[in-house]
């Protein structure tokens, strides 16, 4: 469910080359989700990581995620996000 959402949003990503030759990528509709890297492959990878981190924060804060719907096929009882350890 989360992976499918990320893949769908990554398909909507917009990229551009900046004056310094680096790549900038963003996901329209997901405020604050962007990445800037030296090459396109790294920019895509970073953008995917940013979406994941952005979603964790949204879930932790009980914020809505635009375009993300939990269907009846999934039952979510509880997410212990606050117990996640960050490296």
Protein backbone atom coordinates (compact mmCIF):
# COMPACT_ATOMS: atom_id res chain seq x y z
CA UNK A 1 0.00 0.00 0.00
CA UNK A 2 2.71 2.53 0.93
CA UNK A 3 5.08 1.30 -1.77
CA UNK A 4 2.34 1.58 -4.40
CA UNK A 5 1.63 5.16 -3.33
CA UNK A 6 5.34 6.04 -3.56
CA UNK A 7 5.66 4.50 -7.05
CA UNK A 8 2.61 6.39 -8.28
CA UNK A 9 3.90 9.69 -6.92
CA UNK A 10 7.40 9.08 -8.32
CA UNK A 11 5.82 8.65 -11.75
CA UNK A 12 4.51 12.23 -11.40
CA UNK A 13 7.91 13.68 -10.44
CA UNK A 14 9.15 16.75 -12.29
CA UNK A 15 12.88 17.29 -12.82
CA UNK A 16 14.96 20.16 -14.10
CA UNK A 17 18.62 20.93 -14.52
CA UNK A 18 19.77 23.95 -12.54
CA UNK A 19 22.35 26.52 -13.67
CA UNK A 20 25.09 24.77 -11.72
CA UNK A 21 24.38 21.50 -13.58
CA UNK A 22 22.70 19.78 -10.64
CA UNK A 23 19.26 18.19 -10.85
CA UNK A 24 16.20 19.35 -8.92
CA UNK A 25 13.19 17.07 -8.53
CA UNK A 26 9.83 17.57 -6.88
CA UNK A 27 6.45 15.87 -6.58
CA UNK A 28 3.56 18.16 -7.51
CA UNK A 29 0.94 18.24 -4.77
CA UNK A 30 3.29 17.07 -1.99
CA UNK A 31 4.44 20.26 -0.29
CA UNK A 32 8.04 20.11 0.84
CA UNK A 33 8.91 16.95 -1.11
CA UNK A 34 11.93 17.81 -3.25
CA UNK A 35 15.54 16.78 -3.83
CA UNK A 36 18.66 18.34 -5.36
CA UNK A 37 21.61 16.17 -6.46
CA UNK A 38 24.54 16.16 -8.88
CA UNK A 39 22.99 13.62 -11.26
CA UNK A 40 19.49 12.48 -12.22
CA UNK A 41 19.80 8.95 -10.82
CA UNK A 42 20.85 10.24 -7.39
CA UNK A 43 18.11 12.89 -7.51
CA UNK A 44 15.46 10.19 -8.11
CA UNK A 45 16.85 8.07 -5.28
CA UNK A 46 16.89 11.03 -2.87
CA UNK A 47 13.39 12.07 -3.89
CA UNK A 48 12.06 8.57 -3.12
CA UNK A 49 13.72 8.71 0.32
CA UNK A 50 12.22 12.15 0.96
CA UNK A 51 8.72 10.83 0.16
CA UNK A 52 9.22 7.96 2.63
CA UNK A 53 10.42 10.29 5.40
CA UNK A 54 7.66 12.81 4.63
CA UNK A 55 5.03 10.05 4.91
CA UNK A 56 6.42 8.85 8.26
CA UNK A 57 6.16 12.38 9.65
CA UNK A 58 2.63 12.79 8.27
CA UNK A 59 1.52 9.46 9.80
CA UNK A 60 3.19 10.26 13.13
CA UNK A 61 1.46 13.65 13.29
CA UNK A 62 -1.90 12.20 12.15
CA UNK A 63 -1.84 14.54 9.14
CA UNK A 64 -3.62 13.71 5.92
CA UNK A 65 -1.53 12.56 2.99
CA UNK A 66 -2.90 14.00 -0.27
CA UNK A 67 -4.04 11.21 -2.59
CA UNK A 68 -3.44 8.42 -0.07
CA UNK A 69 -6.46 6.35 0.83
CA UNK A 70 -6.64 3.23 2.95
CA UNK A 71 -8.95 0.78 1.22
CA UNK A 72 -11.13 -1.79 2.91
CA UNK A 73 -8.57 -4.44 1.87
CA UNK A 74 -6.25 -3.12 4.56
CA UNK A 75 -6.92 -2.98 8.26
CA UNK A 76 -4.71 -0.62 10.20
CA UNK A 77 -5.01 -1.11 13.94
CA UNK A 78 -2.08 0.92 15.19
CA UNK A 79 1.23 2.23 13.99
CA UNK A 80 3.83 2.60 16.69
CA UNK A 81 5.71 5.28 14.81
CA UNK A 82 6.87 6.93 18.00
CA UNK A 83 8.85 3.79 18.84
CA UNK A 84 10.85 3.84 15.59
CA UNK A 85 14.57 4.27 16.03
CA UNK A 86 16.45 6.49 13.64
CA UNK A 87 20.07 5.71 12.78
